[in-house]
Amino acid sequence: MNRPVRIAALLALGAYAALASATLPPVTPEAKAKAAEAAAKAAWTDKVGAYQTCLAMDRTAEAYRRDMKAAGKDAPAPAPTPACADPGPFVYNATPITPASSKPLEASGAHSPPGQAITPPSTNVPAAETTGTKK
């Protein structure tokens, strides 16, 4: 190669390196929240797919055993497998949900733990009366 071609190639390579090393603007909180929701939705979709596959395998195995019995042959006993776990409907909450077991008794005057209150308080009876101990 001659010298002008080498210089042009080096300049093009330098310009490309400068463009490749440029920084992107910071990610906004809205974009982070949207990405987290998309990840949760993708994980739920994977669980639904696994559940539907499990149901299809159960139906196929049952049809095989039924066809074997109809043909007068002994069908093998089904292998013990865990039941198919239904993932339920998709629910995305940015804030964590407080389990009912960690909720304070409202009559005790304690502050509620962080998280969404999706169930009512446990009871209005003070803890001393519930457990049978003296306060």
Protein backbone atom coordinates (compact mmCIF):
# COMPACT_ATOMS: atom_id res chain seq x y z
CA MET A 1 0.00 0.00 0.00
CA ASN A 2 1.13 3.48 -0.64
CA ARG A 3 1.42 6.15 2.01
CA PRO A 4 -1.81 8.18 1.32
CA VAL A 5 -3.93 5.02 1.51
CA ARG A 6 -2.37 4.11 4.87
CA ILE A 7 -2.98 7.58 6.25
CA ALA A 8 -6.62 7.51 5.10
CA ALA A 9 -7.09 4.07 6.64
CA LEU A 10 -5.59 5.24 9.96
CA LEU A 11 -7.81 8.34 10.00
CA ALA A 12 -10.91 6.22 9.31
CA LEU A 13 -9.90 3.80 12.05
CA GLY A 14 -9.36 6.70 14.49
CA ALA A 15 -12.77 8.19 13.68
CA TYR A 16 -14.42 4.82 14.16
CA ALA A 17 -12.66 4.34 17.53
CA ALA A 18 -13.81 7.80 18.65
CA LEU A 19 -17.42 6.99 17.76
CA ALA A 20 -17.27 3.60 19.45
CA SER A 21 -15.95 5.06 22.71
CA ALA A 22 -18.64 7.77 22.98
CA THR A 23 -20.77 7.53 26.10
CA LEU A 24 -24.52 7.19 26.16
CA PRO A 25 -26.70 9.47 28.30
CA PRO A 26 -27.68 8.12 31.73
CA VAL A 27 -30.74 5.90 31.93
CA THR A 28 -33.85 7.60 33.32
CA PRO A 29 -35.78 6.08 36.25
CA GLU A 30 -38.79 5.61 33.97
CA ALA A 31 -36.70 3.58 31.53
CA LYS A 32 -35.32 1.49 34.40
CA ALA A 33 -38.83 0.80 35.70
CA LYS A 34 -40.04 -0.12 32.22
CA ALA A 35 -37.09 -2.50 31.77
CA ALA A 36 -37.77 -4.12 35.15
CA GLU A 37 -41.42 -4.62 34.23
CA ALA A 38 -40.44 -6.10 30.86
CA ALA A 39 -38.06 -8.52 32.61
CA ALA A 40 -40.80 -9.54 35.06
CA LYS A 41 -43.25 -10.05 32.19
CA ALA A 42 -40.69 -12.18 30.31
CA ALA A 43 -40.07 -14.32 33.41
CA TRP A 44 -43.84 -14.80 33.87
CA THR A 45 -44.20 -15.71 30.17
CA ASP A 46 -41.51 -18.37 30.62
CA LYS A 47 -43.40 -19.80 33.61
CA VAL A 48 -46.64 -19.89 31.61
CA GLY A 49 -44.86 -21.69 28.78
CA ALA A 50 -43.44 -24.27 31.19
CA TYR A 51 -46.91 -24.77 32.73
CA GLN A 52 -48.53 -25.27 29.31
CA THR A 53 -45.77 -27.72 28.33
CA CYS A 54 -46.33 -29.66 31.56
CA LEU A 55 -50.09 -29.88 30.88
CA ALA A 56 -49.43 -31.03 27.29
CA MET A 57 -47.04 -33.74 28.50
CA ASP A 58 -49.64 -34.96 31.02
CA ARG A 59 -52.32 -35.10 28.31
CA THR A 60 -49.97 -36.96 25.94
CA ALA A 61 -49.01 -39.53 28.57
CA GLU A 62 -52.65 -40.10 29.49
CA ALA A 63 -53.63 -40.54 25.83
CA TYR A 64 -50.77 -43.03 25.38
CA ARG A 65 -51.91 -45.10 28.38
CA ARG A 66 -55.54 -44.95 27.20
CA ASP A 67 -54.56 -46.10 23.68
CA MET A 68 -52.43 -48.93 25.08
CA LYS A 69 -55.34 -50.18 27.20
CA ALA A 70 -57.70 -49.91 24.22
CA ALA A 71 -55.29 -52.07 22.20
CA GLY A 72 -55.35 -54.68 24.97
CA LYS A 73 -51.76 -54.12 26.06
CA ASP A 74 -50.49 -53.39 29.54
CA ALA A 75 -49.71 -49.72 29.91
CA PRO A 76 -46.73 -48.84 32.08
CA ALA A 77 -47.47 -47.21 35.40
CA PRO A 78 -47.08 -43.44 35.35
CA ALA A 79 -43.85 -42.16 36.81
CA PRO A 80 -44.28 -39.98 39.89
CA THR A 81 -43.82 -36.36 38.85
CA PRO A 82 -44.60 -33.09 40.61
CA ALA A 83 -47.90 -31.45 39.77
CA CYS A 84 -47.93 -28.68 37.17
CA ALA A 85 -47.59 -25.29 38.91
CA ASP A 86 -49.95 -22.65 37.53
CA PRO A 87 -48.18 -19.25 37.58
CA GLY A 88 -51.48 -17.37 37.79
CA PRO A 89 -52.17 -14.03 36.14
CA PHE A 90 -49.37 -11.53 35.56
CA VAL A 91 -49.15 -9.01 38.37
CA TYR A 92 -46.31 -6.50 38.47
CA ASN A 93 -45.75 -4.37 41.53
CA ALA A 94 -42.78 -2.06 41.71
CA THR A 95 -43.01 -2.04 45.51
CA PRO A 96 -42.79 -5.33 47.37
CA ILE A 97 -45.90 -6.92 48.83
CA THR A 98 -45.85 -7.45 52.57
CA PRO A 99 -46.75 -11.05 53.47
CA ALA A 100 -49.62 -11.46 55.92
CA SER A 101 -47.36 -13.22 58.42
CA SER A 102 -45.21 -10.11 58.95
CA LYS A 103 -48.03 -7.62 59.34
CA PRO A 104 -48.31 -6.07 62.81
CA LEU A 105 -51.45 -6.13 64.86
CA GLU A 106 -53.15 -2.79 64.28
CA ALA A 107 -54.37 -2.62 67.87
CA SER A 108 -50.78 -2.68 69.14
CA GLY A 109 -50.07 0.73 67.61
CA ALA A 110 -47.08 -0.54 65.66
CA HIS A 111 -46.23 0.98 62.32
CA SER A 112 -46.92 -1.06 59.23
CA PRO A 113 -43.94 -2.54 57.38
CA PRO A 114 -43.01 -1.15 53.96
CA GLY A 115 -44.78 -2.62 50.98
CA GLN A 116 -48.25 -2.65 49.56
CA ALA A 117 -51.12 -3.54 51.83
CA ILE A 118 -53.05 -5.96 49.66
CA THR A 119 -54.77 -7.65 52.61
CA PRO A 120 -56.50 -6.10 55.62
CA PRO A 121 -54.80 -5.94 59.02
CA SER A 122 -54.61 -9.24 60.82
CA THR A 123 -56.91 -8.42 63.74
CA ASN A 124 -58.01 -5.68 66.13
CA VAL A 125 -57.35 -7.85 69.17
CA PRO A 126 -54.09 -6.95 71.00
CA ALA A 127 -51.28 -9.49 70.84
CA ALA A 128 -51.42 -10.17 74.60
CA GLU A 129 -55.00 -11.37 74.30
CA THR A 130 -54.25 -13.40 71.18
CA THR A 131 -51.31 -15.29 72.64
CA GLY A 132 -52.71 -15.54 76.17
CA THR A 133 -49.79 -13.75 77.83
CA LYS A 134 -49.96 -10.77 80.16
CA LYS A 135 -48.68 -7.47 79.00
